[in-house]
N, C-alpha and C. Protein backbone atom coordinates (compact mmCIF):
# COMPACT_ATOMS: atom_id res chain seq x y z
N MET A 1 72.07 185.72 157.91
CA MET A 1 73.47 185.84 157.56
C MET A 1 73.77 184.86 156.44
N ALA A 2 74.37 185.33 155.38
CA ALA A 2 74.68 184.48 154.23
C ALA A 2 76.01 183.77 154.46
N PHE A 3 76.04 182.50 154.09
CA PHE A 3 77.27 181.73 154.18
C PHE A 3 78.07 181.91 152.90
N PRO A 4 79.39 181.97 153.00
CA PRO A 4 80.18 182.08 151.77
C PRO A 4 80.07 180.79 150.95
N ALA A 5 80.16 180.93 149.66
CA ALA A 5 80.08 179.77 148.78
C ALA A 5 81.28 178.86 149.01
N ILE A 6 81.05 177.56 148.99
CA ILE A 6 82.13 176.59 149.13
C ILE A 6 82.73 176.39 147.75
N PRO A 7 84.04 176.55 147.62
CA PRO A 7 84.67 176.31 146.31
C PRO A 7 84.40 174.88 145.85
N PRO A 8 84.14 174.68 144.57
CA PRO A 8 83.84 173.33 144.09
C PRO A 8 84.90 172.30 144.45
N SER A 9 86.17 172.67 144.46
CA SER A 9 87.20 171.69 144.78
C SER A 9 87.03 171.18 146.21
N TRP A 10 86.63 172.03 147.12
CA TRP A 10 86.40 171.60 148.50
C TRP A 10 85.17 170.70 148.56
N LEU A 11 84.16 171.05 147.80
CA LEU A 11 82.95 170.27 147.80
C LEU A 11 83.22 168.87 147.23
N PHE A 12 83.97 168.80 146.14
CA PHE A 12 84.32 167.50 145.57
C PHE A 12 85.14 166.68 146.55
N GLY A 13 86.05 167.32 147.25
CA GLY A 13 86.86 166.62 148.25
C GLY A 13 86.00 166.07 149.38
N LEU A 14 85.04 166.89 149.83
CA LEU A 14 84.14 166.46 150.89
C LEU A 14 83.29 165.27 150.44
N VAL A 15 82.70 165.38 149.27
CA VAL A 15 81.86 164.29 148.76
C VAL A 15 82.71 163.03 148.53
N GLY A 16 83.89 163.20 147.96
CA GLY A 16 84.77 162.06 147.74
C GLY A 16 85.16 161.39 149.04
N GLY A 17 85.49 162.19 150.05
CA GLY A 17 85.84 161.63 151.35
C GLY A 17 84.68 160.87 151.99
N LEU A 18 83.49 161.43 151.88
CA LEU A 18 82.31 160.76 152.41
C LEU A 18 82.06 159.44 151.67
N MET A 19 82.28 159.44 150.36
CA MET A 19 82.07 158.22 149.58
C MET A 19 83.09 157.15 149.96
N ILE A 20 84.36 157.55 150.13
CA ILE A 20 85.39 156.58 150.52
C ILE A 20 85.10 156.02 151.90
N GLY A 21 84.78 156.91 152.84
CA GLY A 21 84.45 156.45 154.19
C GLY A 21 83.22 155.55 154.22
N GLY A 22 82.20 155.92 153.46
CA GLY A 22 80.99 155.10 153.38
C GLY A 22 81.27 153.74 152.77
N ALA A 23 82.07 153.71 151.70
CA ALA A 23 82.40 152.43 151.06
C ALA A 23 83.22 151.55 152.00
N ALA A 24 84.16 152.16 152.73
CA ALA A 24 84.97 151.40 153.68
C ALA A 24 84.10 150.81 154.79
N ALA A 25 83.19 151.62 155.31
CA ALA A 25 82.31 151.15 156.37
C ALA A 25 81.39 150.05 155.86
N LEU A 26 80.86 150.23 154.66
CA LEU A 26 79.96 149.23 154.08
C LEU A 26 80.67 147.90 153.86
N LEU A 27 81.88 147.94 153.31
CA LEU A 27 82.63 146.70 153.07
C LEU A 27 82.94 146.00 154.39
N LEU A 28 83.30 146.77 155.42
CA LEU A 28 83.60 146.17 156.71
C LEU A 28 82.34 145.59 157.36
N LEU A 29 81.23 146.32 157.31
CA LEU A 29 80.00 145.85 157.94
C LEU A 29 79.37 144.68 157.20
N VAL A 30 79.37 144.73 155.87
CA VAL A 30 78.69 143.69 155.09
C VAL A 30 79.56 142.44 154.91
N ASN A 31 80.85 142.64 154.60
CA ASN A 31 81.71 141.50 154.29
C ASN A 31 82.77 141.21 155.35
N GLY A 32 82.91 142.11 156.32
CA GLY A 32 83.94 141.91 157.34
C GLY A 32 85.35 142.08 156.80
N ARG A 33 85.49 142.83 155.70
CA ARG A 33 86.81 143.02 155.08
C ARG A 33 87.22 144.48 155.16
N ILE A 34 88.52 144.68 155.26
CA ILE A 34 89.09 146.02 155.27
C ILE A 34 89.25 146.49 153.83
N MET A 35 88.86 147.74 153.55
CA MET A 35 89.00 148.28 152.21
C MET A 35 90.39 148.90 152.05
N GLY A 36 91.30 148.10 151.56
CA GLY A 36 92.63 148.59 151.21
C GLY A 36 92.79 148.43 149.72
N ALA A 37 92.85 149.53 148.99
CA ALA A 37 92.88 149.46 147.53
C ALA A 37 94.08 148.67 147.02
N SER A 38 95.26 148.87 147.62
CA SER A 38 96.44 148.15 147.14
C SER A 38 96.31 146.65 147.39
N GLY A 39 95.73 146.26 148.52
CA GLY A 39 95.53 144.84 148.80
C GLY A 39 94.52 144.23 147.86
N ILE A 40 93.45 144.95 147.57
CA ILE A 40 92.43 144.46 146.64
C ILE A 40 93.04 144.30 145.25
N LEU A 41 93.82 145.29 144.81
CA LEU A 41 94.48 145.20 143.51
C LEU A 41 95.48 144.05 143.48
N GLY A 42 96.30 143.93 144.52
CA GLY A 42 97.30 142.87 144.57
C GLY A 42 96.68 141.49 144.52
N ARG A 43 95.62 141.28 145.31
CA ARG A 43 94.97 139.96 145.31
C ARG A 43 94.24 139.69 144.00
N ALA A 44 93.73 140.75 143.36
CA ALA A 44 93.07 140.55 142.06
C ALA A 44 94.10 140.14 141.00
N LEU A 45 95.28 140.76 141.03
CA LEU A 45 96.31 140.42 140.06
C LEU A 45 96.90 139.04 140.31
N GLU A 46 97.00 138.66 141.58
CA GLU A 46 97.55 137.35 141.92
C GLU A 46 96.53 136.23 141.80
N GLY A 47 95.23 136.60 141.74
CA GLY A 47 94.18 135.58 141.70
C GLY A 47 94.09 134.84 143.02
N ASP A 48 94.42 135.52 144.11
CA ASP A 48 94.51 134.92 145.44
C ASP A 48 93.13 134.70 146.04
N GLY A 49 92.73 133.45 146.21
CA GLY A 49 91.49 133.11 146.89
C GLY A 49 90.24 133.48 146.11
N GLY A 50 89.12 133.42 146.81
CA GLY A 50 87.83 133.74 146.20
C GLY A 50 87.58 135.24 146.20
N GLY A 51 86.41 135.60 145.75
CA GLY A 51 86.02 137.01 145.74
C GLY A 51 86.59 137.81 144.59
N GLN A 52 86.99 137.13 143.52
CA GLN A 52 87.59 137.84 142.38
C GLN A 52 86.59 138.80 141.74
N GLY A 53 85.33 138.38 141.63
CA GLY A 53 84.32 139.25 141.02
C GLY A 53 84.13 140.53 141.81
N GLU A 54 84.12 140.40 143.13
CA GLU A 54 83.98 141.57 144.00
C GLU A 54 85.19 142.50 143.85
N ARG A 55 86.38 141.92 143.79
CA ARG A 55 87.60 142.73 143.64
C ARG A 55 87.60 143.46 142.30
N LEU A 56 87.25 142.74 141.24
CA LEU A 56 87.25 143.36 139.92
C LEU A 56 86.19 144.46 139.82
N ALA A 57 85.03 144.24 140.43
CA ALA A 57 83.99 145.28 140.43
C ALA A 57 84.49 146.52 141.17
N PHE A 58 85.18 146.32 142.29
CA PHE A 58 85.74 147.44 143.05
C PHE A 58 86.73 148.22 142.19
N LEU A 59 87.63 147.50 141.51
CA LEU A 59 88.66 148.16 140.70
C LEU A 59 88.07 148.86 139.49
N VAL A 60 87.07 148.25 138.85
CA VAL A 60 86.42 148.90 137.71
C VAL A 60 85.75 150.19 138.17
N ALA A 61 85.08 150.15 139.32
CA ALA A 61 84.43 151.36 139.85
C ALA A 61 85.47 152.39 140.27
N LEU A 62 86.58 151.94 140.85
CA LEU A 62 87.64 152.84 141.31
C LEU A 62 88.23 153.64 140.15
N ILE A 63 88.33 153.00 138.99
CA ILE A 63 88.89 153.67 137.82
C ILE A 63 87.78 154.30 136.97
N GLY A 64 86.67 153.59 136.81
CA GLY A 64 85.62 154.04 135.90
C GLY A 64 84.81 155.23 136.37
N VAL A 65 84.47 155.28 137.65
CA VAL A 65 83.63 156.38 138.14
C VAL A 65 84.33 157.73 137.99
N PRO A 66 85.60 157.86 138.41
CA PRO A 66 86.26 159.15 138.15
C PRO A 66 86.33 159.48 136.66
N GLY A 67 86.53 158.46 135.83
CA GLY A 67 86.54 158.70 134.38
C GLY A 67 85.22 159.24 133.89
N LEU A 68 84.12 158.69 134.40
CA LEU A 68 82.80 159.19 134.02
C LEU A 68 82.57 160.61 134.52
N VAL A 69 83.03 160.90 135.73
CA VAL A 69 82.88 162.26 136.27
C VAL A 69 83.66 163.25 135.42
N VAL A 70 84.88 162.90 135.03
CA VAL A 70 85.69 163.79 134.19
C VAL A 70 85.02 163.98 132.83
N ALA A 71 84.49 162.90 132.26
CA ALA A 71 83.82 163.01 130.96
C ALA A 71 82.57 163.89 131.06
N TRP A 72 81.85 163.81 132.17
CA TRP A 72 80.60 164.56 132.35
C TRP A 72 80.86 165.99 132.81
N HIS A 73 81.78 166.15 133.76
CA HIS A 73 81.96 167.45 134.39
C HIS A 73 83.24 168.15 133.95
N GLY A 74 84.20 167.42 133.47
CA GLY A 74 85.51 168.00 133.16
C GLY A 74 86.49 167.70 134.28
N GLY A 75 87.75 167.74 133.94
CA GLY A 75 88.79 167.42 134.92
C GLY A 75 89.10 168.59 135.83
N ALA A 76 89.69 168.26 136.95
CA ALA A 76 90.10 169.28 137.92
C ALA A 76 91.43 169.89 137.49
N VAL A 77 91.63 171.12 137.86
CA VAL A 77 92.90 171.77 137.62
C VAL A 77 93.86 171.30 138.71
N THR A 78 94.97 170.72 138.30
CA THR A 78 95.95 170.23 139.27
C THR A 78 97.32 170.82 138.96
N HIS A 79 98.21 170.62 139.87
CA HIS A 79 99.59 171.02 139.68
C HIS A 79 100.49 169.79 139.59
N ALA A 80 99.90 168.66 139.20
CA ALA A 80 100.67 167.43 139.06
C ALA A 80 101.64 167.57 137.90
N SER A 81 102.71 166.86 138.00
CA SER A 81 103.73 166.89 136.96
C SER A 81 103.19 166.29 135.67
N THR A 82 103.65 166.80 134.55
CA THR A 82 103.30 166.22 133.25
C THR A 82 104.43 165.32 132.75
N ASP A 83 105.44 165.12 133.57
CA ASP A 83 106.58 164.27 133.23
C ASP A 83 106.18 162.80 133.46
N LEU A 84 105.77 162.11 132.38
CA LEU A 84 105.25 160.75 132.52
C LEU A 84 106.25 159.76 133.09
N PRO A 85 107.53 159.78 132.67
CA PRO A 85 108.48 158.85 133.30
C PRO A 85 108.60 159.08 134.82
N LEU A 86 108.60 160.35 135.23
CA LEU A 86 108.66 160.66 136.65
C LEU A 86 107.42 160.11 137.36
N MET A 87 106.25 160.28 136.77
CA MET A 87 105.02 159.78 137.37
C MET A 87 105.02 158.25 137.44
N ALA A 88 105.59 157.59 136.42
CA ALA A 88 105.67 156.12 136.42
C ALA A 88 106.58 155.63 137.55
N VAL A 89 107.73 156.28 137.71
CA VAL A 89 108.65 155.91 138.80
C VAL A 89 107.98 156.16 140.15
N ALA A 90 107.28 157.29 140.28
CA ALA A 90 106.58 157.59 141.53
C ALA A 90 105.52 156.53 141.83
N GLY A 91 104.76 156.13 140.83
CA GLY A 91 103.76 155.08 141.03
C GLY A 91 104.37 153.75 141.42
N LEU A 92 105.50 153.41 140.80
CA LEU A 92 106.19 152.18 141.15
C LEU A 92 106.68 152.22 142.59
N LEU A 93 107.24 153.35 143.00
CA LEU A 93 107.71 153.49 144.38
C LEU A 93 106.55 153.42 145.38
N VAL A 94 105.41 153.99 145.04
CA VAL A 94 104.24 153.90 145.91
C VAL A 94 103.81 152.44 146.04
N GLY A 95 103.80 151.72 144.93
CA GLY A 95 103.44 150.30 144.96
C GLY A 95 104.38 149.48 145.82
N ILE A 96 105.68 149.74 145.71
CA ILE A 96 106.66 149.04 146.54
C ILE A 96 106.44 149.38 148.01
N GLY A 97 106.19 150.66 148.28
CA GLY A 97 105.96 151.09 149.65
C GLY A 97 104.72 150.45 150.28
N THR A 98 103.66 150.32 149.49
CA THR A 98 102.46 149.71 150.05
C THR A 98 102.66 148.23 150.34
N ARG A 99 103.48 147.58 149.54
CA ARG A 99 103.80 146.17 149.82
C ARG A 99 104.63 146.07 151.09
N MET A 100 105.61 146.96 151.24
CA MET A 100 106.46 146.94 152.44
C MET A 100 105.66 147.24 153.70
N ALA A 101 104.69 148.16 153.61
CA ALA A 101 103.89 148.55 154.77
C ALA A 101 102.68 147.64 154.98
N ASN A 102 102.50 146.68 154.07
CA ASN A 102 101.36 145.77 154.12
C ASN A 102 100.04 146.55 154.12
N GLY A 103 99.98 147.57 153.27
CA GLY A 103 98.75 148.34 153.15
C GLY A 103 99.03 149.74 152.63
N CYS A 104 97.97 150.41 152.23
CA CYS A 104 98.09 151.74 151.65
C CYS A 104 97.34 152.75 152.50
N THR A 105 97.19 153.94 152.00
CA THR A 105 96.52 154.98 152.77
C THR A 105 95.05 154.67 153.00
N SER A 106 94.41 153.96 152.08
CA SER A 106 93.01 153.61 152.33
C SER A 106 92.89 152.53 153.40
N GLY A 107 93.79 151.58 153.37
CA GLY A 107 93.76 150.51 154.38
C GLY A 107 94.19 151.01 155.75
N HIS A 108 95.33 151.70 155.80
CA HIS A 108 95.84 152.19 157.08
C HIS A 108 95.20 153.51 157.49
N GLY A 109 95.19 154.47 156.56
CA GLY A 109 94.73 155.82 156.91
C GLY A 109 93.26 155.94 157.15
N VAL A 110 92.44 155.23 156.37
CA VAL A 110 91.00 155.33 156.53
C VAL A 110 90.49 154.24 157.47
N CYS A 111 90.81 153.01 157.17
CA CYS A 111 90.24 151.90 157.94
C CYS A 111 91.00 151.61 159.23
N GLY A 112 92.32 151.56 159.15
CA GLY A 112 93.11 151.22 160.33
C GLY A 112 93.06 152.27 161.42
N MET A 113 93.20 153.53 161.03
CA MET A 113 93.17 154.60 162.04
C MET A 113 91.80 154.73 162.68
N SER A 114 90.75 154.48 161.92
CA SER A 114 89.41 154.57 162.50
C SER A 114 89.16 153.46 163.50
N ARG A 115 89.94 152.38 163.43
CA ARG A 115 89.85 151.29 164.40
C ARG A 115 90.91 151.42 165.49
N PHE A 116 91.62 152.56 165.50
CA PHE A 116 92.66 152.85 166.49
C PHE A 116 93.80 151.83 166.46
N SER A 117 94.13 151.33 165.28
CA SER A 117 95.25 150.40 165.12
C SER A 117 96.56 151.19 165.24
N LEU A 118 97.38 150.83 166.23
CA LEU A 118 98.65 151.53 166.42
C LEU A 118 99.56 151.36 165.19
N ARG A 119 99.52 150.18 164.61
CA ARG A 119 100.32 149.92 163.41
C ARG A 119 99.90 150.84 162.26
N SER A 120 98.60 151.03 162.10
CA SER A 120 98.10 151.90 161.04
C SER A 120 98.38 153.37 161.32
N ILE A 121 98.29 153.76 162.58
CA ILE A 121 98.61 155.14 162.94
C ILE A 121 100.08 155.42 162.64
N ALA A 122 100.96 154.47 162.99
CA ALA A 122 102.39 154.64 162.71
C ALA A 122 102.64 154.66 161.20
N ALA A 123 102.01 153.75 160.46
CA ALA A 123 102.21 153.69 159.01
C ALA A 123 101.75 154.98 158.34
N THR A 124 100.61 155.51 158.77
CA THR A 124 100.10 156.75 158.18
C THR A 124 101.02 157.92 158.50
N GLY A 125 101.55 157.96 159.70
CA GLY A 125 102.52 158.99 160.06
C GLY A 125 103.76 158.92 159.19
N VAL A 126 104.24 157.70 158.95
CA VAL A 126 105.42 157.51 158.09
C VAL A 126 105.09 157.95 156.67
N TYR A 127 103.90 157.57 156.15
CA TYR A 127 103.50 158.00 154.80
C TYR A 127 103.56 159.52 154.67
N LEU A 128 103.01 160.20 155.65
CA LEU A 128 102.94 161.66 155.59
C LEU A 128 104.33 162.29 155.64
N VAL A 129 105.16 161.84 156.56
CA VAL A 129 106.50 162.42 156.70
C VAL A 129 107.34 162.15 155.46
N VAL A 130 107.32 160.92 154.97
CA VAL A 130 108.10 160.59 153.77
C VAL A 130 107.56 161.34 152.56
N GLY A 131 106.24 161.44 152.44
CA GLY A 131 105.65 162.19 151.32
C GLY A 131 106.08 163.65 151.33
N MET A 132 106.08 164.27 152.51
CA MET A 132 106.51 165.67 152.61
C MET A 132 107.99 165.81 152.26
N ALA A 133 108.81 164.88 152.73
CA ALA A 133 110.24 164.94 152.46
C ALA A 133 110.53 164.77 150.96
N VAL A 134 109.87 163.80 150.34
CA VAL A 134 110.08 163.57 148.90
C VAL A 134 109.60 164.76 148.09
N TYR A 135 108.47 165.33 148.45
CA TYR A 135 107.98 166.51 147.75
C TYR A 135 108.97 167.66 147.88
N PHE A 136 109.47 167.90 149.08
CA PHE A 136 110.42 168.98 149.30
C PHE A 136 111.67 168.77 148.44
N ILE A 137 112.20 167.55 148.46
CA ILE A 137 113.41 167.25 147.67
C ILE A 137 113.13 167.41 146.19
N ALA A 138 112.01 166.84 145.72
CA ALA A 138 111.69 166.90 144.29
C ALA A 138 111.46 168.33 143.82
N ARG A 139 110.82 169.12 144.64
CA ARG A 139 110.49 170.49 144.23
C ARG A 139 111.64 171.47 144.42
N HIS A 140 112.25 171.44 145.59
CA HIS A 140 113.20 172.49 145.93
C HIS A 140 114.66 172.13 145.69
N ILE A 141 114.98 170.86 145.65
CA ILE A 141 116.38 170.45 145.45
C ILE A 141 116.61 169.97 144.03
N VAL A 142 115.78 169.03 143.57
CA VAL A 142 115.94 168.47 142.22
C VAL A 142 115.25 169.37 141.19
N GLY A 143 114.14 169.99 141.55
CA GLY A 143 113.44 170.90 140.65
C GLY A 143 112.60 170.23 139.60
N VAL A 144 112.06 169.03 139.89
CA VAL A 144 111.26 168.34 138.89
C VAL A 144 109.76 168.59 139.03
N LEU A 145 109.34 169.22 140.09
CA LEU A 145 107.91 169.50 140.25
C LEU A 145 107.68 171.00 140.22
C-alpha cells in the first residue's frame, strides 16, 4: 500500500519542531537551562550575567539558519501581512507580552508544558486564546489581514 506524499510544508514543520524540541532538551540536559528565546534575547541585550557567548551563538543561529535555508531552498508561501508598520506594532506587543508573562511560547509552550508546569500551561492557554481573538478582530473587524 502506497502512502500519500507529505506536503513539504508539513515536512518542514515536523523537522523544525523536532529541531526545537531537540535543542530545548539538549540545553536543559547539558546546561540545566530552559530554552526561552525571549529570555535569551533579553539577557543578551541587557548583558545580564555570564554566558553571553552562548546567548549570542543561539541568537545568530536562530536568525541565520532560517536565512540560509531561504537562500538555499527559497522562502515559504505565507499569508502574513505585508504591512510593515502593522508587523512592527505586532512584534512590539509580542515583546511586551513575553515580558509580562515572564516567558514566550518556547519557554512556556515547549519547555514549561513538557515539565507539567501549571504556570506554563496557563500562559500557553492565554497565548492561544488571545492570539485567536486578535486574529479574529484584525481579520474580520478591522480588516488589516
